[in-house]
């Protein structure tokens, strides 16, 4: 039900997401709260998809607390990544850099390669938006290579496209064409 709720949230089918997550809450209450952190994360994702970034961040902070309490290092890396993404969406770039660096560090400790790749890409966005295109290019390049190693075509295309944005901004149109 947690996965179902998250899927509905990403599809912007909010009533179905709310319903699935309500059912998940009931099941967690009946069967113990071993998935509480993941349920909080799903609620946070739903809030982010609804555009409620502050509320989503609150859920992610609660997720982080549960992850640390239970020593769930994977959930901790995800919560840190989500906090970085929420800060990025609110255009709080300095905060996003701190959370994304923490997510990358936590993910590296457990070799969570997809979290590392996403954190690097998010850091690239932060540096791009704060006027450091050279650092952004390095981060996007690293994220793209990692996406390729993981076989994540979607992410590979995402990081190549973002690289193209930088070259467009620099009016390097011939180079930018190579990324589109």
Protein backbone atom coordinates (compact mmCIF):
# COMPACT_ATOMS: atom_id res chain seq x y z
CA UNK A 1 0.00 0.00 0.00
CA UNK A 2 2.95 2.32 0.64
CA UNK A 3 4.29 1.69 -2.87
CA UNK A 4 0.82 2.02 -4.34
CA UNK A 5 0.31 5.35 -2.58
CA UNK A 6 3.68 6.61 -3.79
CA UNK A 7 2.91 5.55 -7.35
CA UNK A 8 -0.43 7.36 -7.27
CA UNK A 9 1.28 10.45 -5.83
CA UNK A 10 3.81 10.55 -8.68
CA UNK A 11 0.96 10.17 -11.16
CA UNK A 12 -0.86 13.06 -9.40
CA UNK A 13 -3.80 10.84 -8.61
CA UNK A 14 -4.03 12.36 -5.16
CA UNK A 15 -7.33 10.87 -3.91
CA UNK A 16 -6.06 7.36 -4.69
CA UNK A 17 -2.71 8.18 -3.06
CA UNK A 18 -4.42 9.42 0.09
CA UNK A 19 -6.59 6.32 0.19
CA UNK A 20 -3.70 3.88 -0.27
CA UNK A 21 -1.60 5.63 2.38
CA UNK A 22 -4.55 5.64 4.79
CA UNK A 23 -4.85 1.89 4.30
CA UNK A 24 -1.11 1.54 4.82
CA UNK A 25 -1.39 3.43 8.12
CA UNK A 26 -4.10 1.04 9.30
CA UNK A 27 -2.05 -2.00 8.31
CA UNK A 28 1.03 -0.59 10.06
CA UNK A 29 -1.00 0.00 13.20
CA UNK A 30 -2.24 -3.60 13.14
CA UNK A 31 1.09 -5.22 12.30
CA UNK A 32 3.56 -3.05 14.16
CA UNK A 33 5.29 0.01 12.91
CA UNK A 34 8.34 -1.54 11.28
CA UNK A 35 7.54 0.36 8.06
CA UNK A 36 6.75 3.65 9.79
CA UNK A 37 9.73 5.46 8.26
CA UNK A 38 8.81 4.35 4.75
CA UNK A 39 5.21 5.39 5.34
CA UNK A 40 6.36 8.85 6.49
CA UNK A 41 8.56 9.07 3.38
CA UNK A 42 5.56 8.25 1.18
CA UNK A 43 3.49 10.96 2.87
CA UNK A 44 6.35 13.37 2.26
CA UNK A 45 6.49 12.43 -1.41
CA UNK A 46 2.75 12.99 -1.70
CA UNK A 47 3.11 16.47 -0.20
CA UNK A 48 5.97 17.29 -2.58
CA UNK A 49 3.88 16.17 -5.57
CA UNK A 50 1.06 18.40 -4.32
CA UNK A 51 3.49 21.32 -4.21
CA UNK A 52 3.53 21.47 -0.40
CA UNK A 53 7.30 21.55 -0.06
CA UNK A 54 7.46 22.64 3.58
CA UNK A 55 5.02 19.93 4.63
CA UNK A 56 6.93 17.37 2.59
CA UNK A 57 10.14 18.44 4.31
CA UNK A 58 8.50 17.95 7.70
CA UNK A 59 7.62 14.37 6.76
CA UNK A 60 11.18 13.78 5.52
CA UNK A 61 12.62 15.11 8.79
CA UNK A 62 10.38 12.66 10.66
CA UNK A 63 11.53 9.91 8.29
CA UNK A 64 15.14 10.81 9.04
CA UNK A 65 14.51 10.64 12.79
CA UNK A 66 12.93 7.19 12.49
CA UNK A 67 15.74 5.97 10.22
CA UNK A 68 18.39 7.09 12.66
CA UNK A 69 16.52 5.69 15.65
CA UNK A 70 16.28 2.29 13.92
CA UNK A 71 19.75 2.53 12.39
CA UNK A 72 18.25 2.02 8.93
CA UNK A 73 21.08 3.52 6.92
CA UNK A 74 19.36 3.08 3.57
CA UNK A 75 16.24 4.92 4.72
CA UNK A 76 18.49 7.57 6.23
CA UNK A 77 20.19 8.14 2.85
CA UNK A 78 16.78 8.36 1.16
CA UNK A 79 15.45 10.83 3.72
CA UNK A 80 18.54 13.02 3.30
CA UNK A 81 18.12 12.85 -0.49
CA UNK A 82 14.45 13.82 -0.19
CA UNK A 83 15.32 16.73 2.11
CA UNK A 84 17.82 17.93 -0.49
CA UNK A 85 15.26 17.63 -3.26
CA UNK A 86 12.65 19.52 -1.24
CA UNK A 87 15.13 22.32 -0.53
CA UNK A 88 16.08 22.40 -4.21
CA UNK A 89 12.42 22.74 -5.20
CA UNK A 90 12.04 25.64 -2.75
CA UNK A 91 15.18 27.17 -4.28
CA UNK A 92 17.01 27.00 -0.94
CA UNK A 93 20.21 26.05 -2.70
CA UNK A 94 22.64 26.30 0.23
CA UNK A 95 20.38 24.04 2.28
CA UNK A 96 19.97 21.69 -0.68
CA UNK A 97 23.75 21.40 -0.99
CA UNK A 98 24.10 20.45 2.68
CA UNK A 99 21.34 17.81 2.52
CA UNK A 100 22.53 16.42 -0.83
CA UNK A 101 26.13 16.14 0.37
CA UNK A 102 24.89 14.34 3.47
CA UNK A 103 22.79 12.01 1.30
CA UNK A 104 25.78 11.23 -0.90
CA UNK A 105 28.00 10.56 2.13
CA UNK A 106 25.39 8.31 3.77
CA UNK A 107 24.82 6.45 0.50
CA UNK A 108 28.55 5.97 -0.11
CA UNK A 109 28.88 4.34 3.31
CA UNK A 110 26.43 1.62 2.25
CA UNK A 111 27.15 1.66 -1.49
CA UNK A 112 23.64 2.81 -2.42
CA UNK A 113 24.66 3.70 -5.95
CA UNK A 114 21.35 5.13 -7.19
CA UNK A 115 21.15 7.47 -4.19
CA UNK A 116 24.73 8.60 -4.85
CA UNK A 117 23.97 9.25 -8.52
CA UNK A 118 20.84 11.25 -7.73
CA UNK A 119 22.56 13.26 -5.01
CA UNK A 120 25.35 14.16 -7.44
CA UNK A 121 22.83 15.29 -10.04
CA UNK A 122 20.95 17.35 -7.46
CA UNK A 123 24.24 18.94 -6.39
CA UNK A 124 24.83 19.75 -10.05
CA UNK A 125 21.49 21.56 -10.19
CA UNK A 126 22.38 23.52 -7.04
CA UNK A 127 25.69 24.65 -8.49
CA UNK A 128 24.10 25.46 -11.84
CA UNK A 129 21.43 27.59 -10.16
CA UNK A 130 23.97 29.40 -7.96
CA UNK A 131 26.21 30.38 -10.86
CA UNK A 132 28.96 27.76 -10.78
CA UNK A 133 28.58 26.09 -14.19
CA UNK A 134 32.03 24.47 -14.11
CA UNK A 135 31.26 22.58 -10.89
CA UNK A 136 27.77 21.77 -12.20
CA UNK A 137 29.26 20.25 -15.36
CA UNK A 138 31.58 18.04 -13.28
CA UNK A 139 28.69 16.84 -11.11
CA UNK A 140 26.34 16.21 -14.05
CA UNK A 141 29.10 14.32 -15.85
CA UNK A 142 29.71 12.13 -12.78
CA UNK A 143 25.96 11.55 -12.32
CA UNK A 144 25.53 10.66 -16.01
CA UNK A 145 28.41 8.15 -15.92
CA UNK A 146 26.98 6.53 -12.80
CA UNK A 147 23.52 6.36 -14.39
CA UNK A 148 25.05 4.62 -17.40
CA UNK A 149 26.81 2.09 -15.11
CA UNK A 150 23.50 1.44 -13.36
CA UNK A 151 21.67 0.99 -16.66
CA UNK A 152 19.35 3.90 -15.85
CA UNK A 153 18.65 5.32 -19.29
CA UNK A 154 16.13 7.81 -17.87
CA UNK A 155 18.70 9.32 -15.50
CA UNK A 156 21.43 9.21 -18.13
CA UNK A 157 19.24 11.29 -20.46
CA UNK A 158 18.31 13.61 -17.58
CA UNK A 159 21.93 14.44 -16.72
CA UNK A 160 22.93 14.78 -20.38
CA UNK A 161 20.05 17.19 -20.92
CA UNK A 162 20.98 19.29 -17.90
CA UNK A 163 24.52 19.48 -19.25
CA UNK A 164 23.03 20.82 -22.47
CA UNK A 165 21.28 23.58 -20.49
CA UNK A 166 24.62 24.81 -19.21
CA UNK A 167 26.09 24.98 -22.69
CA UNK A 168 22.99 26.80 -23.92
CA UNK A 169 23.39 29.37 -21.16
CA UNK A 170 27.05 29.76 -22.13
CA UNK A 171 25.89 30.24 -25.76
CA UNK A 172 27.95 27.24 -26.81
CA UNK A 173 25.23 26.12 -29.20
CA UNK A 174 27.28 23.59 -31.16
CA UNK A 175 28.32 21.82 -27.96
CA UNK A 176 24.77 22.03 -26.58
CA UNK A 177 23.42 20.26 -29.68
CA UNK A 178 25.49 17.22 -28.76
CA UNK A 179 23.46 16.86 -25.55
CA UNK A 180 20.00 17.06 -27.12
